PDB file of N, CA and C in Angstrom:
ATOM      1  N   UNK A   1     151.332-146.169 182.323  1.00  0.00           N
ATOM      2  CA  UNK A   1     150.118-145.690 181.648  1.00  0.00           C
ATOM      3  C   UNK A   1     148.915-145.848 182.573  1.00  0.00           C
ATOM      4  N   UNK A   2     148.791-146.963 183.253  1.00  0.00           N
ATOM      5  CA  UNK A   2     147.640-147.169 184.129  1.00  0.00           C
ATOM      6  C   UNK A   2     147.655-146.212 185.316  1.00  0.00           C
ATOM      7  N   UNK A   3     148.845-145.878 185.827  1.00  0.00           N
ATOM      8  CA  UNK A   3     148.950-144.974 186.969  1.00  0.00           C
ATOM      9  C   UNK A   3     148.486-143.582 186.591  1.00  0.00           C
ATOM     10  N   UNK A   4     148.827-143.128 185.383  1.00  0.00           N
ATOM     11  CA  UNK A   4     148.398-141.811 184.914  1.00  0.00           C
ATOM     12  C   UNK A   4     146.872-141.784 184.766  1.00  0.00           C
ATOM     13  N   UNK A   5     146.313-142.833 184.249  1.00  0.00           N
ATOM     14  CA  UNK A   5     144.862-142.911 184.100  1.00  0.00           C
ATOM     15  C   UNK A   5     144.193-142.911 185.479  1.00  0.00           C
ATOM     16  N   UNK A   6     144.796-143.583 186.446  1.00  0.00           N
ATOM     17  CA  UNK A   6     144.291-143.609 187.813  1.00  0.00           C
ATOM     18  C   UNK A   6     144.284-142.204 188.413  1.00  0.00           C
ATOM     19  N   UNK A   7     145.351-141.436 188.196  1.00  0.00           N
ATOM     20  CA  UNK A   7     145.427-140.080 188.737  1.00  0.00           C
ATOM     21  C   UNK A   7     144.407-139.156 188.102  1.00  0.00           C
ATOM     22  N   UNK A   8     144.073-139.358 186.843  1.00  0.00           N
ATOM     23  CA  UNK A   8     143.106-138.500 186.148  1.00  0.00           C
ATOM     24  C   UNK A   8     141.657-138.905 186.408  1.00  0.00           C
ATOM     25  N   UNK A   9     141.455-140.115 186.927  1.00  0.00           N
ATOM     26  CA  UNK A   9     140.093-140.608 187.181  1.00  0.00           C
ATOM     27  C   UNK A   9     139.487-139.868 188.377  1.00  0.00           C
ATOM     28  N   UNK A  10     138.372-139.206 188.157  1.00  0.00           N
ATOM     29  CA  UNK A  10     137.721-138.439 189.205  1.00  0.00           C
ATOM     30  C   UNK A  10     136.357-139.041 189.598  1.00  0.00           C
ATOM     31  N   UNK A  11     136.074-140.248 189.173  1.00  0.00           N
ATOM     32  CA  UNK A  11     134.749-140.818 189.449  1.00  0.00           C
ATOM     33  C   UNK A  11     134.533-141.056 190.936  1.00  0.00           C
ATOM     34  N   UNK A  12     135.554-141.384 191.680  1.00  0.00           N
ATOM     35  CA  UNK A  12     135.417-141.609 193.123  1.00  0.00           C
ATOM     36  C   UNK A  12     135.295-140.323 193.897  1.00  0.00           C
ATOM     37  N   UNK A  13     135.763-139.218 193.347  1.00  0.00           N
ATOM     38  CA  UNK A  13     135.725-137.941 194.046  1.00  0.00           C
ATOM     39  C   UNK A  13     134.280-137.505 194.275  1.00  0.00           C
ATOM     40  N   UNK A  14     133.417-137.791 193.328  1.00  0.00           N
ATOM     41  CA  UNK A  14     132.016-137.391 193.464  1.00  0.00           C
ATOM     42  C   UNK A  14     131.374-138.132 194.643  1.00  0.00           C
ATOM     43  N   UNK A  15     131.645-139.406 194.791  1.00  0.00           N
ATOM     44  CA  UNK A  15     131.079-140.169 195.905  1.00  0.00           C
ATOM     45  C   UNK A  15     131.590-139.631 197.240  1.00  0.00           C
ATOM     46  N   UNK A  16     132.851-139.266 197.305  1.00  0.00           N
ATOM     47  CA  UNK A  16     133.421-138.707 198.536  1.00  0.00           C
ATOM     48  C   UNK A  16     132.765-137.369 198.845  1.00  0.00           C
ATOM     49  N   UNK A  17     132.560-136.550 197.834  1.00  0.00           N
ATOM     50  CA  UNK A  17     131.920-135.259 198.062  1.00  0.00           C
ATOM     51  C   UNK A  17     130.501-135.431 198.582  1.00  0.00           C
ATOM     52  N   UNK A  18     129.749-136.356 198.006  1.00  0.00           N
ATOM     53  CA  UNK A  18     128.377-136.608 198.487  1.00  0.00           C
ATOM     54  C   UNK A  18     128.414-137.118 199.923  1.00  0.00           C
ATOM     55  N   UNK A  19     129.380-137.941 200.250  1.00  0.00           N
ATOM     56  CA  UNK A  19     129.504-138.430 201.614  1.00  0.00           C
ATOM     57  C   UNK A  19     129.799-137.321 202.599  1.00  0.00           C
ATOM     58  N   UNK A  20     130.668-136.378 202.221  1.00  0.00           N
ATOM     59  CA  UNK A  20     130.963-135.241 203.079  1.00  0.00           C
ATOM     60  C   UNK A  20     129.759-134.340 203.260  1.00  0.00           C
ATOM     61  N   UNK A  21     129.012-134.120 202.183  1.00  0.00           N
ATOM     62  CA  UNK A  21     127.807-133.297 202.273  1.00  0.00           C
ATOM     63  C   UNK A  21     126.788-133.972 203.202  1.00  0.00           C
ATOM     64  N   UNK A  22     126.601-135.274 203.058  1.00  0.00           N
ATOM     65  CA  UNK A  22     125.656-136.002 203.916  1.00  0.00           C
ATOM     66  C   UNK A  22     126.097-135.927 205.386  1.00  0.00           C
ATOM     67  N   UNK A  23     127.391-136.028 205.638  1.00  0.00           N
ATOM     68  CA  UNK A  23     127.896-135.939 207.018  1.00  0.00           C
ATOM     69  C   UNK A  23     127.638-134.549 207.603  1.00  0.00           C
ATOM     70  N   UNK A  24     127.850-133.522 206.826  1.00  0.00           N
ATOM     71  CA  UNK A  24     127.594-132.150 207.316  1.00  0.00           C
ATOM     72  C   UNK A  24     126.124-131.939 207.604  1.00  0.00           C
ATOM     73  N   UNK A  25     125.267-132.430 206.733  1.00  0.00           N
ATOM     74  CA  UNK A  25     123.820-132.295 206.958  1.00  0.00           C
ATOM     75  C   UNK A  25     123.424-133.063 208.202  1.00  0.00           C
ATOM     76  N   UNK A  26     123.995-134.229 208.428  1.00  0.00           N
ATOM     77  CA  UNK A  26     123.670-135.011 209.613  1.00  0.00           C
ATOM     78  C   UNK A  26     124.062-134.279 210.880  1.00  0.00           C
ATOM     79  N   UNK A  27     125.231-133.682 210.890  1.00  0.00           N
ATOM     80  CA  UNK A  27     125.693-132.931 212.054  1.00  0.00           C
ATOM     81  C   UNK A  27     124.750-131.761 212.330  1.00  0.00           C
ATOM     82  N   UNK A  28     124.310-131.061 211.281  1.00  0.00           N
ATOM     83  CA  UNK A  28     123.397-129.933 211.455  1.00  0.00           C
ATOM     84  C   UNK A  28     122.060-130.408 212.015  1.00  0.00           C
ATOM     85  N   UNK A  29     121.540-131.516 211.501  1.00  0.00           N
ATOM     86  CA  UNK A  29     120.263-132.025 212.004  1.00  0.00           C
ATOM     87  C   UNK A  29     120.378-132.422 213.463  1.00  0.00           C
ATOM     88  N   UNK A  30     121.458-133.068 213.846  1.00  0.00           N
ATOM     89  CA  UNK A  30     121.642-133.464 215.239  1.00  0.00           C
ATOM     90  C   UNK A  30     121.679-132.238 216.143  1.00  0.00           C
ATOM     91  N   UNK A  31     122.383-131.214 215.731  1.00  0.00           N
ATOM     92  CA  UNK A  31     122.470-129.971 216.535  1.00  0.00           C
ATOM     93  C   UNK A  31     121.101-129.315 216.697  1.00  0.00           C
ATOM     94  N   UNK A  32     120.330-129.287 215.603  1.00  0.00           N
ATOM     95  CA  UNK A  32     118.986-128.686 215.668  1.00  0.00           C
ATOM     96  C   UNK A  32     118.074-129.477 216.588  1.00  0.00           C
ATOM     97  N   UNK A  33     118.095-130.808 216.452  1.00  0.00           N
ATOM     98  CA  UNK A  33     117.229-131.651 217.282  1.00  0.00           C
ATOM     99  C   UNK A  33     117.589-131.526 218.755  1.00  0.00           C
ATOM    100  N   UNK A  34     118.862-131.467 219.055  1.00  0.00           N
ATOM    101  CA  UNK A  34     119.266-131.293 220.452  1.00  0.00           C
ATOM    102  C   UNK A  34     118.790-129.950 221.004  1.00  0.00           C
ATOM    103  N   UNK A  35     118.861-128.906 220.177  1.00  0.00           N
ATOM    104  CA  UNK A  35     118.382-127.586 220.611  1.00  0.00           C
ATOM    105  C   UNK A  35     116.881-127.593 220.880  1.00  0.00           C
ATOM    106  N   UNK A  36     116.133-128.235 220.013  1.00  0.00           N
ATOM    107  CA  UNK A  36     114.684-128.328 220.183  1.00  0.00           C
ATOM    108  C   UNK A  36     114.356-129.143 221.419  1.00  0.00           C
ATOM    109  N   UNK A  37     115.095-130.220 221.653  1.00  0.00           N
ATOM    110  CA  UNK A  37     114.873-131.047 222.832  1.00  0.00           C
ATOM    111  C   UNK A  37     115.069-130.267 224.116  1.00  0.00           C
ATOM    112  N   UNK A  38     116.090-129.450 224.148  1.00  0.00           N
ATOM    113  CA  UNK A  38     116.347-128.621 225.340  1.00  0.00           C
ATOM    114  C   UNK A  38     115.212-127.636 225.566  1.00  0.00           C
ATOM    115  N   UNK A  39     114.719-127.021 224.494  1.00  0.00           N
ATOM    116  CA  UNK A  39     113.626-126.063 224.618  1.00  0.00           C
ATOM    117  C   UNK A  39     112.347-126.766 225.097  1.00  0.00           C
ATOM    118  N   UNK A  40     112.076-127.975 224.580  1.00  0.00           N
ATOM    119  CA  UNK A  40     110.906-128.716 225.006  1.00  0.00           C
ATOM    120  C   UNK A  40     110.990-129.096 226.480  1.00  0.00           C
ATOM    121  N   UNK A  41     112.165-129.499 226.923  1.00  0.00           N
ATOM    122  CA  UNK A  41     112.355-129.839 228.338  1.00  0.00           C
ATOM    123  C   UNK A  41     112.062-128.618 229.211  1.00  0.00           C
ATOM    124  N   UNK A  42     112.578-127.477 228.807  1.00  0.00           N
ATOM    125  CA  UNK A  42     112.334-126.246 229.581  1.00  0.00           C
ATOM    126  C   UNK A  42     110.844-125.894 229.583  1.00  0.00           C
ATOM    127  N   UNK A  43     110.172-126.080 228.463  1.00  0.00           N
ATOM    128  CA  UNK A  43     108.747-125.759 228.370  1.00  0.00           C
ATOM    129  C   UNK A  43     107.933-126.665 229.299  1.00  0.00           C
ATOM    130  N   UNK A  44     108.197-127.976 229.263  1.00  0.00           N
ATOM    131  CA  UNK A  44     107.465-128.895 230.114  1.00  0.00           C
ATOM    132  C   UNK A  44     107.761-128.672 231.590  1.00  0.00           C
ATOM    133  N   UNK A  45     108.975-128.295 231.906  1.00  0.00           N
ATOM    134  CA  UNK A  45     109.319-127.968 233.280  1.00  0.00           C
ATOM    135  C   UNK A  45     108.551-126.753 233.747  1.00  0.00           C
ATOM    136  N   UNK A  46     108.433-125.761 232.888  1.00  0.00           N
ATOM    137  CA  UNK A  46     107.666-124.553 233.255  1.00  0.00           C
ATOM    138  C   UNK A  46     106.193-124.884 233.453  1.00  0.00           C
ATOM    139  N   UNK A  47     105.631-125.725 232.608  1.00  0.00           N
ATOM    140  CA  UNK A  47     104.230-126.123 232.737  1.00  0.00           C
ATOM    141  C   UNK A  47     104.040-126.898 234.041  1.00  0.00           C
ATOM    142  N   UNK A  48     104.952-127.799 234.328  1.00  0.00           N
ATOM    143  CA  UNK A  48     104.844-128.571 235.564  1.00  0.00           C
ATOM    144  C   UNK A  48     104.900-127.675 236.780  1.00  0.00           C
ATOM    145  N   UNK A  49     105.808-126.706 236.769  1.00  0.00           N
ATOM    146  CA  UNK A  49     105.941-125.769 237.871  1.00  0.00           C
ATOM    147  C   UNK A  49     104.680-124.916 238.002  1.00  0.00           C
ATOM    148  N   UNK A  50     104.134-124.492 236.852  1.00  0.00           N
ATOM    149  CA  UNK A  50     102.920-123.680 236.875  1.00  0.00           C
ATOM    150  C   UNK A  50     101.716-124.429 237.395  1.00  0.00           C
ATOM    151  N   UNK A  51     101.696-125.723 237.208  1.00  0.00           N
ATOM    152  CA  UNK A  51     100.576-126.536 237.686  1.00  0.00           C
ATOM    153  C   UNK A  51     100.760-126.939 239.147  1.00  0.00           C
ATOM    154  N   UNK A  52     101.878-126.583 239.741  1.00  0.00           N
ATOM    155  CA  UNK A  52     102.110-126.871 241.128  1.00  0.00           C
ATOM    156  C   UNK A  52     102.700-128.255 241.381  1.00  0.00           C
ATOM    157  N   UNK A  53     103.272-128.842 240.342  1.00  0.00           N
ATOM    158  CA  UNK A  53     103.796-130.192 240.508  1.00  0.00           C
ATOM    159  C   UNK A  53     105.236-130.171 240.537  1.00  0.00           C
TER     160      UNK A  53
END
């Protein structure tokens, strides 16, 4: 009886789903920040080159 109740219990599934969503959002944020960092590096390099340094 307890095993059947355990199989029907879905309360932990919600926590796992929220964890997966948070992980996906984290990966997306990291990718975006890395892309912005690369663009900023290129911009500052261009400014430095333009100033003759």
